[in-house]
Amino acid sequence: MEGGREEEEGGMIGPGAALAAAPARPKRPLQFEQAYLDSLPSAHMYEKSYMHRDVVTHVAVSAADFFITGSSDGHLKFWKKKPSGIEFVKHFRSHLDPIEGLAVSADGLLCCTISNDRAAKIYDVVNYDMMVMIRLPFIPGTIEWVFKQGDVKPKLAISDRNSPDVHIYDARADSSEPIVSNKIHSGPVKVMKYNHAFDMVISADAKGLIEYWSPATLKFPDKGVSYVYDSDK
């Protein structure tokens, strides 16, 4: 009994007693801790995540208050612009291969994607639905809508990745035959941009050369463009 009383008076004994008696290790300060805290997002919209499952490679804005994103896994997403933020509306597996081109028409109503699968897929932006798929006899390089508001045919220009050819298609014809084709450049076309105010296309090829052409004839426009040589000034 006396031994038990001594143990109670002396407290814990054994290895556990040494651990309990050891002083608490001081907290190691984190280098640049305040910088990390200042970098934490604090925006009101941070609780919402807008994302793809893979790297986003293309973004296009529509005049109809939509914007469209494409990713390297071939997925296409439609988003509706709101007074504050955006709202996801539709998701498509547009291609099995990565999306190589994404274009929206000047009026914001039509969207098109291309990939290495030799297909061009056309979407109705406002109703976010696929309209037409054009099977191509070549691997597409780049795309651009080349019609202005009021035109009967919504024309789509598609270049051949491995040749200087550019082909114009009617997006609503449901046909794989182009309206017109021509060799505009001496090398594969890399970029095409349409100016709807002058109904004219500016394109650049792999050699760095720039061309002006009409989407109706695929030739140099008769009006809207004029040059003055430095020698004539």
C-alpha atoms as a PDB file:
ATOM      1  CA  MET A   1       0.000   0.000   0.000  1.00  0.00           C
ATOM      2  CA  GLU A   2       2.822   2.363   0.805  1.00  0.00           C
ATOM      3  CA  GLY A   3       4.427   1.677  -2.580  1.00  0.00           C
ATOM      4  CA  GLY A   4       1.174   2.416  -4.384  1.00  0.00           C
ATOM      5  CA  ARG A   5       0.790   5.646  -2.454  1.00  0.00           C
ATOM      6  CA  GLU A   6       4.309   6.695  -3.483  1.00  0.00           C
ATOM      7  CA  GLU A   7       3.528   6.016  -7.176  1.00  0.00           C
ATOM      8  CA  GLU A   8       0.394   8.152  -6.970  1.00  0.00           C
ATOM      9  CA  GLU A   9       2.324  10.951  -5.325  1.00  0.00           C
ATOM     10  CA  GLY A  10       5.192  10.717  -7.821  1.00  0.00           C
ATOM     11  CA  GLY A  11       2.952  10.712 -10.917  1.00  0.00           C
ATOM     12  CA  MET A  12       3.651   8.708 -14.104  1.00  0.00           C
ATOM     13  CA  ILE A  13       6.761   6.556 -14.379  1.00  0.00           C
ATOM     14  CA  GLY A  14       8.316   4.758 -17.361  1.00  0.00           C
ATOM     15  CA  PRO A  15       8.904   5.792 -21.064  1.00  0.00           C
ATOM     16  CA  GLY A  16       5.564   7.571 -21.295  1.00  0.00           C
ATOM     17  CA  ALA A  17       6.529   9.882 -18.488  1.00  0.00           C
ATOM     18  CA  ALA A  18       9.601  11.092 -20.385  1.00  0.00           C
ATOM     19  CA  LEU A  19       7.518  11.887 -23.496  1.00  0.00           C
ATOM     20  CA  ALA A  20       4.907  13.734 -21.493  1.00  0.00           C
ATOM     21  CA  ALA A  21       7.539  15.798 -19.746  1.00  0.00           C
ATOM     22  CA  ALA A  22       9.313  16.794 -23.013  1.00  0.00           C
ATOM     23  CA  PRO A  23       8.682  20.423 -23.997  1.00  0.00           C
ATOM     24  CA  ALA A  24       6.549  21.057 -27.122  1.00  0.00           C
ATOM     25  CA  ARG A  25       8.597  21.538 -30.277  1.00  0.00           C
ATOM     26  CA  PRO A  26       8.265  25.100 -31.527  1.00  0.00           C
ATOM     27  CA  LYS A  27       6.375  25.530 -34.821  1.00  0.00           C
ATOM     28  CA  ARG A  28       8.741  25.926 -37.722  1.00  0.00           C
ATOM     29  CA  PRO A  29       7.928  29.160 -39.533  1.00  0.00           C
ATOM     30  CA  LEU A  30       6.966  28.773 -43.220  1.00  0.00           C
ATOM     31  CA  GLN A  31       9.119  30.844 -45.492  1.00  0.00           C
ATOM     32  CA  PHE A  32       7.074  33.467 -47.375  1.00  0.00           C
ATOM     33  CA  GLU A  33       3.929  32.412 -45.480  1.00  0.00           C
ATOM     34  CA  GLN A  34       2.263  35.796 -45.888  1.00  0.00           C
ATOM     35  CA  ALA A  35       2.923  35.768 -49.624  1.00  0.00           C
ATOM     36  CA  TYR A  36       1.098  32.433 -49.913  1.00  0.00           C
ATOM     37  CA  LEU A  37      -1.820  33.746 -47.869  1.00  0.00           C
ATOM     38  CA  ASP A  38      -2.052  36.889 -50.005  1.00  0.00           C
ATOM     39  CA  SER A  39      -2.168  34.737 -53.164  1.00  0.00           C
ATOM     40  CA  LEU A  40      -5.239  32.759 -52.103  1.00  0.00           C
ATOM     41  CA  PRO A  41      -8.247  33.617 -54.331  1.00  0.00           C
ATOM     42  CA  SER A  42     -10.806  35.762 -52.581  1.00  0.00           C
ATOM     43  CA  ALA A  43     -13.176  36.704 -55.412  1.00  0.00           C
ATOM     44  CA  HIS A  44     -16.930  36.380 -54.920  1.00  0.00           C
ATOM     45  CA  MET A  45     -17.217  33.936 -57.865  1.00  0.00           C
ATOM     46  CA  TYR A  46     -14.421  31.611 -56.756  1.00  0.00           C
ATOM     47  CA  GLU A  47     -16.871  28.932 -55.626  1.00  0.00           C
ATOM     48  CA  LYS A  48     -17.751  28.269 -59.299  1.00  0.00           C
ATOM     49  CA  SER A  49     -15.395  26.323 -61.552  1.00  0.00           C
ATOM     50  CA  TYR A  50     -15.461  26.646 -65.338  1.00  0.00           C
ATOM     51  CA  MET A  51     -13.300  23.986 -66.879  1.00  0.00           C
ATOM     52  CA  HIS A  52     -12.585  21.269 -69.431  1.00  0.00           C
ATOM     53  CA  ARG A  53     -11.145  17.872 -68.676  1.00  0.00           C
ATOM     54  CA  ASP A  54      -8.103  18.685 -70.794  1.00  0.00           C
ATOM     55  CA  VAL A  55      -6.144  21.720 -71.976  1.00  0.00           C
ATOM     56  CA  VAL A  56      -8.295  24.467 -73.520  1.00  0.00           C
ATOM     57  CA  THR A  57      -6.816  25.246 -76.944  1.00  0.00           C
ATOM     58  CA  HIS A  58      -9.475  27.434 -78.609  1.00  0.00           C
ATOM     59  CA  VAL A  59     -11.825  30.200 -77.456  1.00  0.00           C
ATOM     60  CA  ALA A  60     -14.297  32.047 -79.690  1.00  0.00           C
ATOM     61  CA  VAL A  61     -16.765  34.806 -78.793  1.00  0.00           C
ATOM     62  CA  SER A  62     -20.196  35.063 -80.419  1.00  0.00           C
ATOM     63  CA  ALA A  63     -22.108  38.289 -81.014  1.00  0.00           C
ATOM     64  CA  ALA A  64     -25.191  36.411 -79.759  1.00  0.00           C
ATOM     65  CA  ASP A  65     -23.902  36.610 -76.154  1.00  0.00           C
ATOM     66  CA  PHE A  66     -22.258  33.194 -76.199  1.00  0.00           C
ATOM     67  CA  PHE A  67     -18.702  32.065 -76.150  1.00  0.00           C
ATOM     68  CA  ILE A  68     -17.385  28.663 -77.131  1.00  0.00           C
ATOM     69  CA  THR A  69     -14.330  26.770 -75.912  1.00  0.00           C
ATOM     70  CA  GLY A  70     -12.548  23.760 -77.383  1.00  0.00           C
ATOM     71  CA  SER A  71      -9.961  21.489 -75.806  1.00  0.00           C
ATOM     72  CA  SER A  72      -7.205  19.126 -76.875  1.00  0.00           C
ATOM     73  CA  ASP A  73      -9.384  16.066 -76.222  1.00  0.00           C
ATOM     74  CA  GLY A  74     -11.880  17.120 -78.914  1.00  0.00           C
ATOM     75  CA  HIS A  75     -14.559  18.452 -76.566  1.00  0.00           C
ATOM     76  CA  LEU A  76     -16.580  21.605 -77.295  1.00  0.00           C
ATOM     77  CA  LYS A  77     -18.486  23.633 -74.706  1.00  0.00           C
ATOM     78  CA  PHE A  78     -21.047  26.412 -75.108  1.00  0.00           C
ATOM     79  CA  TRP A  79     -21.333  29.104 -72.436  1.00  0.00           C
ATOM     80  CA  LYS A  80     -23.964  31.830 -72.103  1.00  0.00           C
ATOM     81  CA  LYS A  81     -22.809  35.281 -71.030  1.00  0.00           C
ATOM     82  CA  LYS A  82     -24.790  36.682 -68.093  1.00  0.00           C
ATOM     83  CA  PRO A  83     -24.875  40.144 -66.438  1.00  0.00           C
ATOM     84  CA  SER A  84     -22.588  38.642 -63.799  1.00  0.00           C
ATOM     85  CA  GLY A  85     -20.486  35.676 -64.846  1.00  0.00           C
ATOM     86  CA  ILE A  86     -21.298  32.913 -67.304  1.00  0.00           C
ATOM     87  CA  GLU A  87     -23.539  29.858 -67.451  1.00  0.00           C
ATOM     88  CA  PHE A  88     -22.672  26.485 -68.968  1.00  0.00           C
ATOM     89  CA  VAL A  89     -25.302  25.390 -71.508  1.00  0.00           C
ATOM     90  CA  LYS A  90     -24.068  22.498 -73.689  1.00  0.00           C
ATOM     91  CA  HIS A  91     -21.213  20.033 -74.098  1.00  0.00           C
ATOM     92  CA  PHE A  92     -20.277  18.131 -77.285  1.00  0.00           C
ATOM     93  CA  ARG A  93     -17.659  15.519 -78.087  1.00  0.00           C
ATOM     94  CA  SER A  94     -16.983  17.277 -81.371  1.00  0.00           C
ATOM     95  CA  HIS A  95     -14.026  15.150 -82.521  1.00  0.00           C
ATOM     96  CA  LEU A  96     -12.106  12.115 -81.351  1.00  0.00           C
ATOM     97  CA  ASP A  97      -8.870  13.947 -82.144  1.00  0.00           C
ATOM     98  CA  PRO A  98      -7.842  17.375 -80.801  1.00  0.00           C
ATOM     99  CA  ILE A  99      -9.760  20.365 -82.145  1.00  0.00           C
ATOM    100  CA  GLU A 100      -7.502  22.066 -84.700  1.00  0.00           C
ATOM    101  CA  GLY A 101      -9.723  25.008 -85.606  1.00  0.00           C
ATOM    102  CA  LEU A 102     -12.712  26.894 -84.177  1.00  0.00           C
ATOM    103  CA  ALA A 103     -14.529  29.748 -85.909  1.00  0.00           C
ATOM    104  CA  VAL A 104     -17.714  31.737 -85.247  1.00  0.00           C
ATOM    105  CA  SER A 105     -19.542  33.704 -87.949  1.00  0.00           C
ATOM    106  CA  ALA A 106     -19.684  37.507 -87.905  1.00  0.00           C
ATOM    107  CA  ASP A 107     -23.376  37.462 -86.901  1.00  0.00           C
ATOM    108  CA  GLY A 108     -22.577  35.068 -84.045  1.00  0.00           C
ATOM    109  CA  LEU A 109     -25.112  32.444 -85.139  1.00  0.00           C
ATOM    110  CA  LEU A 110     -22.881  29.711 -86.590  1.00  0.00           C
ATOM    111  CA  CYS A 111     -19.857  27.882 -85.246  1.00  0.00           C
ATOM    112  CA  CYS A 112     -17.542  25.365 -86.892  1.00  0.00           C
ATOM    113  CA  THR A 113     -14.777  23.047 -85.695  1.00  0.00           C
ATOM    114  CA  ILE A 114     -12.186  21.001 -87.603  1.00  0.00           C
ATOM    115  CA  SER A 115      -9.796  18.228 -86.661  1.00  0.00           C
ATOM    116  CA  ASN A 116      -7.430  15.660 -88.170  1.00  0.00           C
ATOM    117  CA  ASP A 117     -10.392  13.324 -88.730  1.00  0.00           C
ATOM    118  CA  ARG A 118     -11.157  15.137 -92.030  1.00  0.00           C
ATOM    119  CA  ALA A 119     -14.477  16.439 -90.781  1.00  0.00           C
ATOM    120  CA  ALA A 120     -15.923  19.919 -90.314  1.00  0.00           C
ATOM    121  CA  LYS A 121     -18.793  20.123 -87.840  1.00  0.00           C
ATOM    122  CA  ILE A 122     -21.184  23.072 -87.942  1.00  0.00           C
ATOM    123  CA  TYR A 123     -23.274  24.185 -84.959  1.00  0.00           C
ATOM    124  CA  ASP A 124     -26.257  26.457 -84.417  1.00  0.00           C
ATOM    125  CA  VAL A 125     -24.967  28.712 -81.632  1.00  0.00           C
ATOM    126  CA  VAL A 126     -28.267  30.111 -80.310  1.00  0.00           C
ATOM    127  CA  ASN A 127     -29.882  26.668 -80.136  1.00  0.00           C
ATOM    128  CA  TYR A 128     -26.509  25.033 -79.300  1.00  0.00           C
ATOM    129  CA  ASP A 129     -27.119  22.094 -81.589  1.00  0.00           C
ATOM    130  CA  MET A 130     -25.069  20.437 -84.339  1.00  0.00           C
ATOM    131  CA  MET A 131     -26.490  21.135 -87.812  1.00  0.00           C
ATOM    132  CA  VAL A 132     -24.194  19.603 -90.420  1.00  0.00           C
ATOM    133  CA  MET A 133     -21.061  17.513 -90.690  1.00  0.00           C
ATOM    134  CA  ILE A 134     -18.971  17.967 -93.852  1.00  0.00           C
ATOM    135  CA  ARG A 135     -16.732  15.061 -94.822  1.00  0.00           C
ATOM    136  CA  LEU A 136     -13.542  16.436 -96.358  1.00  0.00           C
ATOM    137  CA  PRO A 137     -11.237  14.667 -98.854  1.00  0.00           C
ATOM    138  CA  PHE A 138      -8.253  16.408 -97.225  1.00  0.00           C
ATOM    139  CA  ILE A 139      -6.915  17.230 -93.772  1.00  0.00           C
ATOM    140  CA  PRO A 140      -8.139  20.759 -92.938  1.00  0.00           C
ATOM    141  CA  GLY A 141      -5.648  23.419 -91.968  1.00  0.00           C
ATOM    142  CA  THR A 142      -7.709  26.433 -90.909  1.00  0.00           C
ATOM    143  CA  ILE A 143     -11.298  27.683 -91.210  1.00  0.00           C
ATOM    144  CA  GLU A 144     -13.135  30.994 -91.418  1.00  0.00           C
ATOM    145  CA  TRP A 145     -16.712  32.083 -92.051  1.00  0.00           C
ATOM    146  CA  VAL A 146     -16.738  34.328 -95.125  1.00  0.00           C
ATOM    147  CA  PHE A 147     -20.250  35.735 -95.485  1.00  0.00           C
ATOM    148  CA  LYS A 148     -21.885  38.945 -94.372  1.00  0.00           C
ATOM    149  CA  GLN A 149     -25.306  39.432 -92.830  1.00  0.00           C
ATOM    150  CA  GLY A 150     -28.033  39.110 -95.444  1.00  0.00           C
ATOM    151  CA  ASP A 151     -26.186  36.656 -97.725  1.00  0.00           C
ATOM    152  CA  VAL A 152     -28.289  33.731 -98.931  1.00  0.00           C
ATOM    153  CA  LYS A 153     -25.503  31.182 -98.428  1.00  0.00           C
ATOM    154  CA  PRO A 154     -23.533  31.019 -95.174  1.00  0.00           C
ATOM    155  CA  LYS A 155     -20.143  30.349 -96.755  1.00  0.00           C
ATOM    156  CA  LEU A 156     -17.325  28.608 -94.927  1.00  0.00           C
ATOM    157  CA  ALA A 157     -13.695  28.708 -96.109  1.00  0.00           C
ATOM    158  CA  ILE A 158     -11.541  25.661 -95.327  1.00  0.00           C
ATOM    159  CA  SER A 159      -7.879  25.377 -96.275  1.00  0.00           C
ATOM    160  CA  ASP A 160      -5.955  22.196 -97.067  1.00  0.00           C
ATOM    161  CA  ARG A 161      -3.182  21.614 -94.538  1.00  0.00           C
ATOM    162  CA  ASN A 162      -0.855  20.054 -97.124  1.00  0.00           C
ATOM    163  CA  SER A 163      -1.504  22.241-100.193  1.00  0.00           C
ATOM    164  CA  PRO A 164      -2.220  25.879-101.132  1.00  0.00           C
ATOM    165  CA  ASP A 165      -5.885  25.033-101.880  1.00  0.00           C
ATOM    166  CA  VAL A 166      -8.769  26.912-100.253  1.00  0.00           C
ATOM    167  CA  HIS A 167     -12.323  25.586-100.586  1.00  0.00           C
ATOM    168  CA  ILE A 168     -15.611  27.438-100.016  1.00  0.00           C
ATOM    169  CA  TYR A 169     -18.597  25.427 -98.752  1.00  0.00           C
ATOM    170  CA  ASP A 170     -22.274  26.221 -98.268  1.00  0.00           C
ATOM    171  CA  ALA A 171     -22.866  25.430 -94.584  1.00  0.00           C
ATOM    172  CA  ARG A 172     -26.564  24.649 -95.097  1.00  0.00           C
ATOM    173  CA  ALA A 173     -26.262  22.589 -98.280  1.00  0.00           C
ATOM    174  CA  ASP A 174     -25.447  19.303 -96.487  1.00  0.00           C
ATOM    175  CA  SER A 175     -22.956  18.546 -99.264  1.00  0.00           C
ATOM    176  CA  SER A 176     -19.268  17.641 -99.262  1.00  0.00           C
ATOM    177  CA  GLU A 177     -18.758  19.388-102.617  1.00  0.00           C
ATOM    178  CA  PRO A 178     -17.323  22.913-102.393  1.00  0.00           C
ATOM    179  CA  ILE A 179     -18.920  25.861-104.166  1.00  0.00           C
ATOM    180  CA  VAL A 180     -15.547  27.027-105.456  1.00  0.00           C
ATOM    181  CA  SER A 181     -11.889  26.107-104.920  1.00  0.00           C
ATOM    182  CA  ASN A 182      -8.644  27.836-105.818  1.00  0.00           C
ATOM    183  CA  LYS A 183      -4.915  27.974-105.101  1.00  0.00           C
ATOM    184  CA  ILE A 184      -4.614  31.399-103.499  1.00  0.00           C
ATOM    185  CA  HIS A 185      -1.116  31.002-102.040  1.00  0.00           C
ATOM    186  CA  SER A 186       2.052  29.215-103.052  1.00  0.00           C
ATOM    187  CA  GLY A 187       2.057  27.260 -99.769  1.00  0.00           C
ATOM    188  CA  PRO A 188      -0.413  25.897 -97.188  1.00  0.00           C
ATOM    189  CA  VAL A 189      -2.621  28.588 -95.665  1.00  0.00           C
ATOM    190  CA  LYS A 190      -2.118  29.026 -91.923  1.00  0.00           C
ATOM    191  CA  VAL A 191      -4.476  31.907 -91.055  1.00  0.00           C
ATOM    192  CA  MET A 192      -7.610  33.399 -92.624  1.00  0.00           C
ATOM    193  CA  LYS A 193      -9.562  36.411 -91.329  1.00  0.00           C
ATOM    194  CA  TYR A 194     -12.748  37.791 -92.851  1.00  0.00           C
ATOM    195  CA  ASN A 195     -13.590  41.506 -92.958  1.00  0.00           C
ATOM    196  CA  HIS A 196     -17.384  41.620 -93.254  1.00  0.00           C
ATOM    197  CA  ALA A 197     -17.445  45.409 -93.783  1.00  0.00           C
ATOM    198  CA  PHE A 198     -15.516  45.067 -97.071  1.00  0.00           C
ATOM    199  CA  ASP A 199     -16.528  41.439 -97.807  1.00  0.00           C
ATOM    200  CA  MET A 200     -12.865  40.505 -98.112  1.00  0.00           C
ATOM    201  CA  VAL A 201     -10.511  37.890 -96.664  1.00  0.00           C
ATOM    202  CA  ILE A 202      -6.892  38.357 -95.568  1.00  0.00           C
ATOM    203  CA  SER A 203      -4.844  35.163 -95.372  1.00  0.00           C
ATOM    204  CA  ALA A 204      -1.258  34.186 -94.632  1.00  0.00           C
ATOM    205  CA  ASP A 205       0.636  31.056 -95.659  1.00  0.00           C
ATOM    206  CA  ALA A 206       3.484  28.983 -94.274  1.00  0.00           C
ATOM    207  CA  LYS A 207       6.017  31.105 -96.192  1.00  0.00           C
ATOM    208  CA  GLY A 208       4.859  34.303 -94.479  1.00  0.00           C
ATOM    209  CA  LEU A 209       3.094  35.771 -97.519  1.00  0.00           C
ATOM    210  CA  ILE A 210      -0.191  37.670 -97.148  1.00  0.00           C
ATOM    211  CA  GLU A 211      -3.003  37.715 -99.706  1.00  0.00           C
ATOM    212  CA  TYR A 212      -6.239  39.668-100.098  1.00  0.00           C
ATOM    213  CA  TRP A 213      -9.125  37.891-101.835  1.00  0.00           C
ATOM    214  CA  SER A 214     -12.855  37.928-102.366  1.00  0.00           C
ATOM    215  CA  PRO A 215     -14.837  34.956-100.962  1.00  0.00           C
ATOM    216  CA  ALA A 216     -17.014  34.989-104.094  1.00  0.00           C
ATOM    217  CA  THR A 217     -14.196  34.530-106.607  1.00  0.00           C
ATOM    218  CA  LEU A 218     -11.169  33.592-104.457  1.00  0.00           C
ATOM    219  CA  LYS A 219      -9.275  36.274-106.395  1.00  0.00           C
ATOM    220  CA  PHE A 220      -8.014  39.760-105.588  1.00  0.00           C
ATOM    221  CA  PRO A 221     -11.066  41.981-104.887  1.00  0.00           C
ATOM    222  CA  ASP A 222     -12.132  44.462-107.548  1.00  0.00           C
ATOM    223  CA  LYS A 223     -13.015  47.125-104.993  1.00  0.00           C
ATOM    224  CA  GLY A 224     -12.381  47.977-101.379  1.00  0.00           C
ATOM    225  CA  VAL A 225      -8.585  47.726-101.544  1.00  0.00           C
ATOM    226  CA  SER A 226      -6.208  50.244-103.089  1.00  0.00           C
ATOM    227  CA  TYR A 227      -2.440  50.528-102.921  1.00  0.00           C
ATOM    228  CA  VAL A 228      -0.032  53.377-103.415  1.00  0.00           C
ATOM    229  CA  TYR A 229       3.591  52.561-104.214  1.00  0.00           C
ATOM    230  CA  ASP A 230       6.271  54.477-102.359  1.00  0.00           C
ATOM    231  CA  SER A 231       7.797  55.364-105.727  1.00  0.00           C
ATOM    232  CA  ASP A 232       4.574  57.161-106.716  1.00  0.00           C
ATOM    233  CA  LYS A 233       4.529  59.423-103.661  1.00  0.00           C
END
